[in-house]
Amino acid sequence: MNFFKLIIIIFISANVLKADCLAMYNAYYTYGIGFDFIDYVFGEDNCCDEFPVPLCSDD
């Protein structure tokens, strides 16, 4: 039973991290909402991998 709880906790925490990246991704494309590029690219999790924006490219 403890293994099942551990799996649930890992799954929920992974979804919370993705939700934060998704919120920042939506802020990039929404007028009037602040977008923190430094946090998006260099934060705890690099959101450019899952939700790329034009500023993330190496060009």
N, C-alpha and C. Protein backbone atom coordinates (compact mmCIF):
# COMPACT_ATOMS: atom_id res chain seq x y z
N MET A 1 0.82 -1.19 0.00
CA MET A 1 0.00 0.00 0.00
C MET A 1 0.87 1.27 0.00
N ASN A 2 2.01 1.23 0.68
CA ASN A 2 2.90 2.39 0.71
C ASN A 2 3.47 2.70 -0.66
N PHE A 3 3.73 1.66 -1.44
CA PHE A 3 4.24 1.85 -2.79
C PHE A 3 3.22 2.59 -3.65
N PHE A 4 1.96 2.25 -3.50
CA PHE A 4 0.89 2.91 -4.24
C PHE A 4 0.81 4.39 -3.88
N LYS A 5 0.94 4.72 -2.60
CA LYS A 5 0.92 6.12 -2.16
C LYS A 5 2.11 6.89 -2.73
N LEU A 6 3.26 6.24 -2.79
CA LEU A 6 4.45 6.87 -3.35
C LEU A 6 4.25 7.19 -4.83
N ILE A 7 3.68 6.27 -5.56
CA ILE A 7 3.40 6.50 -6.99
C ILE A 7 2.45 7.67 -7.17
N ILE A 8 1.42 7.74 -6.36
CA ILE A 8 0.45 8.83 -6.44
C ILE A 8 1.13 10.18 -6.15
N ILE A 9 1.97 10.23 -5.14
CA ILE A 9 2.66 11.48 -4.78
C ILE A 9 3.59 11.93 -5.90
N ILE A 10 4.30 11.01 -6.50
CA ILE A 10 5.20 11.35 -7.61
C ILE A 10 4.41 11.87 -8.80
N PHE A 11 3.30 11.22 -9.11
CA PHE A 11 2.47 11.63 -10.23
C PHE A 11 1.91 13.04 -10.02
N ILE A 12 1.43 13.31 -8.82
CA ILE A 12 0.85 14.63 -8.53
C ILE A 12 1.92 15.71 -8.57
N SER A 13 3.09 15.45 -8.01
CA SER A 13 4.15 16.46 -8.02
C SER A 13 4.63 16.75 -9.44
N ALA A 14 4.68 15.75 -10.29
CA ALA A 14 5.08 15.97 -11.69
C ALA A 14 4.06 16.83 -12.41
N ASN A 15 2.79 16.63 -12.13
CA ASN A 15 1.75 17.43 -12.76
C ASN A 15 1.77 18.87 -12.27
N VAL A 16 2.13 19.10 -11.03
CA VAL A 16 2.22 20.47 -10.51
C VAL A 16 3.34 21.22 -11.21
N LEU A 17 4.48 20.58 -11.43
CA LEU A 17 5.58 21.24 -12.14
C LEU A 17 5.19 21.57 -13.57
N LYS A 18 4.50 20.66 -14.24
CA LYS A 18 4.05 20.93 -15.60
C LYS A 18 3.02 22.04 -15.63
N ALA A 19 2.18 22.13 -14.61
CA ALA A 19 1.17 23.17 -14.56
C ALA A 19 1.82 24.54 -14.44
N ASP A 20 2.92 24.64 -13.69
CA ASP A 20 3.63 25.90 -13.55
C ASP A 20 4.21 26.33 -14.89
N CYS A 21 4.80 25.41 -15.62
CA CYS A 21 5.33 25.73 -16.95
C CYS A 21 4.19 26.10 -17.90
N LEU A 22 3.09 25.41 -17.79
CA LEU A 22 1.95 25.72 -18.65
C LEU A 22 1.40 27.11 -18.35
N ALA A 23 1.36 27.49 -17.09
CA ALA A 23 0.89 28.82 -16.72
C ALA A 23 1.82 29.90 -17.28
N MET A 24 3.13 29.67 -17.20
CA MET A 24 4.08 30.65 -17.75
C MET A 24 3.99 30.68 -19.28
N TYR A 25 3.76 29.52 -19.90
CA TYR A 25 3.60 29.46 -21.36
C TYR A 25 2.37 30.27 -21.78
N ASN A 26 1.28 30.12 -21.06
CA ASN A 26 0.07 30.89 -21.36
C ASN A 26 0.30 32.37 -21.12
N ALA A 27 1.09 32.73 -20.11
CA ALA A 27 1.38 34.14 -19.84
C ALA A 27 2.17 34.76 -20.99
N TYR A 28 3.01 33.98 -21.64
CA TYR A 28 3.80 34.50 -22.77
C TYR A 28 2.88 34.93 -23.91
N TYR A 29 1.83 34.15 -24.17
CA TYR A 29 0.95 34.43 -25.30
C TYR A 29 -0.28 35.25 -24.92
N THR A 30 -0.40 35.69 -23.67
CA THR A 30 -1.54 36.48 -23.24
C THR A 30 -1.09 37.92 -23.00
N TYR A 31 -1.77 38.84 -23.64
CA TYR A 31 -1.44 40.26 -23.51
C TYR A 31 -1.80 40.75 -22.11
N GLY A 32 -0.91 41.50 -21.51
CA GLY A 32 -1.19 42.12 -20.22
C GLY A 32 -0.78 41.30 -19.01
N ILE A 33 -0.25 40.11 -19.22
CA ILE A 33 0.22 39.29 -18.11
C ILE A 33 1.74 39.27 -18.15
N GLY A 34 2.37 39.48 -17.01
CA GLY A 34 3.83 39.50 -16.95
C GLY A 34 4.44 38.14 -17.26
N PHE A 35 5.51 38.15 -18.02
CA PHE A 35 6.21 36.92 -18.39
C PHE A 35 7.65 37.04 -17.94
N ASP A 36 8.10 36.12 -17.10
CA ASP A 36 9.47 36.13 -16.59
C ASP A 36 10.30 35.14 -17.40
N PHE A 37 11.01 35.65 -18.40
CA PHE A 37 11.79 34.78 -19.29
C PHE A 37 12.91 34.06 -18.55
N ILE A 38 13.57 34.74 -17.62
CA ILE A 38 14.68 34.13 -16.88
C ILE A 38 14.19 32.91 -16.09
N ASP A 39 13.06 33.05 -15.43
CA ASP A 39 12.51 31.93 -14.66
C ASP A 39 12.04 30.82 -15.60
N TYR A 40 11.52 31.19 -16.77
CA TYR A 40 11.03 30.20 -17.74
C TYR A 40 12.16 29.33 -18.27
N VAL A 41 13.29 29.94 -18.57
CA VAL A 41 14.40 29.21 -19.17
C VAL A 41 15.36 28.65 -18.13
N PHE A 42 15.69 29.44 -17.13
CA PHE A 42 16.72 29.04 -16.17
C PHE A 42 16.18 28.70 -14.79
N GLY A 43 14.87 28.54 -14.65
CA GLY A 43 14.27 28.23 -13.36
C GLY A 43 14.56 26.80 -12.93
N GLU A 44 13.82 26.32 -11.93
CA GLU A 44 14.04 24.98 -11.40
C GLU A 44 13.90 23.91 -12.49
N ASP A 45 12.92 24.09 -13.34
CA ASP A 45 12.75 23.17 -14.46
C ASP A 45 12.73 23.99 -15.75
N ASN A 46 13.49 23.57 -16.72
CA ASN A 46 13.57 24.29 -17.99
C ASN A 46 12.29 24.04 -18.77
N CYS A 47 11.45 25.05 -18.85
CA CYS A 47 10.15 24.90 -19.51
C CYS A 47 10.27 24.89 -21.03
N CYS A 48 11.41 25.30 -21.57
CA CYS A 48 11.59 25.31 -23.02
C CYS A 48 11.54 23.91 -23.61
N ASP A 49 11.87 22.91 -22.81
CA ASP A 49 11.85 21.54 -23.31
C ASP A 49 10.44 21.07 -23.63
N GLU A 50 9.49 21.38 -22.77
CA GLU A 50 8.12 20.90 -22.95
C GLU A 50 7.22 21.91 -23.65
N PHE A 51 7.44 23.20 -23.40
CA PHE A 51 6.61 24.25 -23.97
C PHE A 51 7.51 25.29 -24.63
N PRO A 52 8.02 25.03 -25.83
CA PRO A 52 8.95 25.99 -26.45
C PRO A 52 8.24 27.26 -26.91
N VAL A 53 8.89 28.38 -26.71
CA VAL A 53 8.44 29.67 -27.22
C VAL A 53 9.54 30.17 -28.15
N PRO A 54 9.26 31.14 -29.01
CA PRO A 54 10.27 31.60 -29.97
C PRO A 54 11.57 32.08 -29.32
N LEU A 55 11.52 32.58 -28.10
CA LEU A 55 12.73 33.06 -27.44
C LEU A 55 13.65 31.93 -26.98
N CYS A 56 13.17 30.71 -26.98
CA CYS A 56 13.96 29.57 -26.50
C CYS A 56 14.93 29.03 -27.54
N SER A 57 14.76 29.39 -28.79
CA SER A 57 15.61 28.82 -29.83
C SER A 57 17.04 29.33 -29.71
N ASP A 58 17.96 28.59 -30.26
CA ASP A 58 19.38 28.95 -30.20
C ASP A 58 19.80 29.91 -31.30
N ASP A 59 18.90 30.24 -32.19
CA ASP A 59 19.23 31.10 -33.34
C ASP A 59 19.51 32.51 -32.93
